[in-house]
Amino acid sequence: MRNSAAKGELIGYFGIEISEADSRTGWIFLVVQDVHQGKGLGKEIMMYIMEEAPSVGLEVLKLMVYTENKPAIELFQKFSFRKERVSIDPETGKSSYLMSRTIS
């Protein structure tokens, strides 16, 4: 995602990776640079993902989010994602929630 007002500056990126174990499950990754957060970009991206995911046969969406990232957790919960479990990265020691939701 590029910001034309900032001369092509990269302000974030997102995507969905189809699970190798189950082609009906997609893993979301979404990053918005700190200086561009709070402007509704995450919400717009999530609306786009929710609209497009069924068209590629996805029935379940999953993602990982750091437990301290309260704004992102709140955003995902607004899109009906639920916390499934917590995992800890052995390299960084940071904890993350696995969140998921079904698509109807």
C-alpha atoms as a PDB file:
ATOM      1  CA  MET A   1       0.000   0.000   0.000  1.00  0.00           C
ATOM      2  CA  ARG A   2       1.537   3.290  -1.048  1.00  0.00           C
ATOM      3  CA  ASN A   3       0.684   6.839  -0.126  1.00  0.00           C
ATOM      4  CA  SER A   4       0.646   9.010  -3.240  1.00  0.00           C
ATOM      5  CA  ALA A   5       0.775  12.191  -1.142  1.00  0.00           C
ATOM      6  CA  ALA A   6       4.093  11.033   0.299  1.00  0.00           C
ATOM      7  CA  LYS A   7       5.783  10.375  -3.065  1.00  0.00           C
ATOM      8  CA  GLY A   8       5.322   6.611  -3.080  1.00  0.00           C
ATOM      9  CA  GLU A   9       6.292   6.061   0.548  1.00  0.00           C
ATOM     10  CA  LEU A  10       5.429   2.566   1.729  1.00  0.00           C
ATOM     11  CA  ILE A  11       2.905   2.982   4.551  1.00  0.00           C
ATOM     12  CA  GLY A  12       2.085  -0.687   5.061  1.00  0.00           C
ATOM     13  CA  TYR A  13       1.274  -3.980   3.458  1.00  0.00           C
ATOM     14  CA  PHE A  14      -1.176  -6.861   3.763  1.00  0.00           C
ATOM     15  CA  GLY A  15      -2.009 -10.199   2.261  1.00  0.00           C
ATOM     16  CA  ILE A  16      -3.598 -13.578   2.773  1.00  0.00           C
ATOM     17  CA  GLU A  17      -1.634 -16.793   2.594  1.00  0.00           C
ATOM     18  CA  ILE A  18      -3.681 -19.900   1.813  1.00  0.00           C
ATOM     19  CA  SER A  19      -2.974 -22.652   4.327  1.00  0.00           C
ATOM     20  CA  GLU A  20      -1.137 -25.659   2.910  1.00  0.00           C
ATOM     21  CA  ALA A  21      -3.030 -27.891   5.355  1.00  0.00           C
ATOM     22  CA  ASP A  22      -6.489 -26.621   4.370  1.00  0.00           C
ATOM     23  CA  SER A  23      -7.179 -24.579   1.239  1.00  0.00           C
ATOM     24  CA  ARG A  24     -10.316 -23.121   2.880  1.00  0.00           C
ATOM     25  CA  THR A  25      -8.205 -21.372   5.541  1.00  0.00           C
ATOM     26  CA  GLY A  26      -6.338 -18.130   4.948  1.00  0.00           C
ATOM     27  CA  TRP A  27      -3.692 -16.532   7.163  1.00  0.00           C
ATOM     28  CA  ILE A  28      -3.883 -12.730   7.211  1.00  0.00           C
ATOM     29  CA  PHE A  29      -0.851 -10.534   7.587  1.00  0.00           C
ATOM     30  CA  LEU A  30      -1.355  -6.805   7.968  1.00  0.00           C
ATOM     31  CA  VAL A  31       1.144  -4.078   8.823  1.00  0.00           C
ATOM     32  CA  VAL A  32       0.603  -0.304   8.906  1.00  0.00           C
ATOM     33  CA  GLN A  33       3.582   1.853   9.841  1.00  0.00           C
ATOM     34  CA  ASP A  34       3.254   3.538  13.224  1.00  0.00           C
ATOM     35  CA  VAL A  35       2.994   7.082  11.830  1.00  0.00           C
ATOM     36  CA  HIS A  36       0.015   6.051   9.675  1.00  0.00           C
ATOM     37  CA  GLN A  37      -1.916   4.162  12.342  1.00  0.00           C
ATOM     38  CA  GLY A  38      -5.177   5.509  13.693  1.00  0.00           C
ATOM     39  CA  LYS A  39      -6.298   6.805  10.293  1.00  0.00           C
ATOM     40  CA  GLY A  40      -8.683   3.970   9.424  1.00  0.00           C
ATOM     41  CA  LEU A  41      -6.339   2.134   7.043  1.00  0.00           C
ATOM     42  CA  GLY A  42      -6.519  -1.129   8.994  1.00  0.00           C
ATOM     43  CA  LYS A  43     -10.311  -0.973   8.965  1.00  0.00           C
ATOM     44  CA  GLU A  44     -10.391  -0.367   5.203  1.00  0.00           C
ATOM     45  CA  ILE A  45      -8.016  -3.254   4.604  1.00  0.00           C
ATOM     46  CA  MET A  46     -10.036  -5.602   6.795  1.00  0.00           C
ATOM     47  CA  MET A  47     -13.248  -4.618   4.991  1.00  0.00           C
ATOM     48  CA  TYR A  48     -11.551  -5.437   1.679  1.00  0.00           C
ATOM     49  CA  ILE A  49     -10.248  -8.784   2.983  1.00  0.00           C
ATOM     50  CA  MET A  50     -13.661  -9.765   4.356  1.00  0.00           C
ATOM     51  CA  GLU A  51     -15.293  -8.904   1.040  1.00  0.00           C
ATOM     52  CA  GLU A  52     -12.764 -10.730  -1.156  1.00  0.00           C
ATOM     53  CA  ALA A  53     -11.929 -13.829   0.926  1.00  0.00           C
ATOM     54  CA  PRO A  54     -15.073 -15.811   0.006  1.00  0.00           C
ATOM     55  CA  SER A  55     -14.450 -15.245  -3.706  1.00  0.00           C
ATOM     56  CA  VAL A  56     -11.272 -17.346  -3.468  1.00  0.00           C
ATOM     57  CA  GLY A  57     -12.994 -20.116  -1.516  1.00  0.00           C
ATOM     58  CA  LEU A  58     -11.896 -19.174   1.996  1.00  0.00           C
ATOM     59  CA  GLU A  59     -14.137 -20.181   4.882  1.00  0.00           C
ATOM     60  CA  VAL A  60     -11.822 -19.457   7.831  1.00  0.00           C
ATOM     61  CA  LEU A  61      -9.430 -16.576   8.444  1.00  0.00           C
ATOM     62  CA  LYS A  62      -6.629 -16.675  11.011  1.00  0.00           C
ATOM     63  CA  LEU A  63      -3.955 -14.272  12.165  1.00  0.00           C
ATOM     64  CA  MET A  64      -1.353 -13.739  14.857  1.00  0.00           C
ATOM     65  CA  VAL A  65      -1.131 -10.465  16.785  1.00  0.00           C
ATOM     66  CA  TYR A  66       1.152  -9.419  19.645  1.00  0.00           C
ATOM     67  CA  THR A  67      -0.747  -9.437  22.935  1.00  0.00           C
ATOM     68  CA  GLU A  68       0.376  -5.864  23.674  1.00  0.00           C
ATOM     69  CA  ASN A  69      -1.013  -4.539  20.367  1.00  0.00           C
ATOM     70  CA  LYS A  70      -4.352  -3.456  21.840  1.00  0.00           C
ATOM     71  CA  PRO A  71      -5.484  -1.296  18.868  1.00  0.00           C
ATOM     72  CA  ALA A  72      -5.001  -4.185  16.426  1.00  0.00           C
ATOM     73  CA  ILE A  73      -6.735  -6.654  18.753  1.00  0.00           C
ATOM     74  CA  GLU A  74      -9.699  -4.291  19.052  1.00  0.00           C
ATOM     75  CA  LEU A  75      -9.817  -3.899  15.262  1.00  0.00           C
ATOM     76  CA  PHE A  76      -9.828  -7.647  14.698  1.00  0.00           C
ATOM     77  CA  GLN A  77     -12.487  -8.169  17.371  1.00  0.00           C
ATOM     78  CA  LYS A  78     -14.702  -5.632  15.559  1.00  0.00           C
ATOM     79  CA  PHE A  79     -14.484  -7.991  12.589  1.00  0.00           C
ATOM     80  CA  SER A  80     -15.581 -10.920  14.791  1.00  0.00           C
ATOM     81  CA  PHE A  81     -12.153 -12.472  15.260  1.00  0.00           C
ATOM     82  CA  ARG A  82     -11.846 -14.406  18.529  1.00  0.00           C
ATOM     83  CA  LYS A  83      -8.759 -15.241  20.541  1.00  0.00           C
ATOM     84  CA  GLU A  84      -7.984 -18.961  20.389  1.00  0.00           C
ATOM     85  CA  ARG A  85      -4.713 -19.230  22.283  1.00  0.00           C
ATOM     86  CA  VAL A  86      -1.495 -17.474  23.273  1.00  0.00           C
ATOM     87  CA  SER A  87       1.918 -18.504  22.012  1.00  0.00           C
ATOM     88  CA  ILE A  88       5.365 -17.222  22.913  1.00  0.00           C
ATOM     89  CA  ASP A  89       8.097 -16.688  20.335  1.00  0.00           C
ATOM     90  CA  PRO A  90      11.162 -18.499  21.695  1.00  0.00           C
ATOM     91  CA  GLU A  91      13.543 -16.073  19.941  1.00  0.00           C
ATOM     92  CA  THR A  92      12.003 -12.780  21.103  1.00  0.00           C
ATOM     93  CA  GLY A  93      10.021 -13.854  24.149  1.00  0.00           C
ATOM     94  CA  LYS A  94       7.031 -11.891  22.813  1.00  0.00           C
ATOM     95  CA  SER A  95       3.579 -13.376  23.252  1.00  0.00           C
ATOM     96  CA  SER A  96       0.958 -13.411  20.501  1.00  0.00           C
ATOM     97  CA  TYR A  97      -2.693 -14.313  20.217  1.00  0.00           C
ATOM     98  CA  LEU A  98      -3.892 -16.671  17.537  1.00  0.00           C
ATOM     99  CA  MET A  99      -7.202 -15.176  16.425  1.00  0.00           C
ATOM    100  CA  SER A 100      -9.673 -16.609  13.939  1.00  0.00           C
ATOM    101  CA  ARG A 101     -13.143 -16.335  12.526  1.00  0.00           C
ATOM    102  CA  THR A 102     -15.338 -18.152  10.055  1.00  0.00           C
ATOM    103  CA  ILE A 103     -16.725 -16.464   6.976  1.00  0.00           C
ATOM    104  CA  SER A 104     -20.430 -16.846   6.361  1.00  0.00           C
END
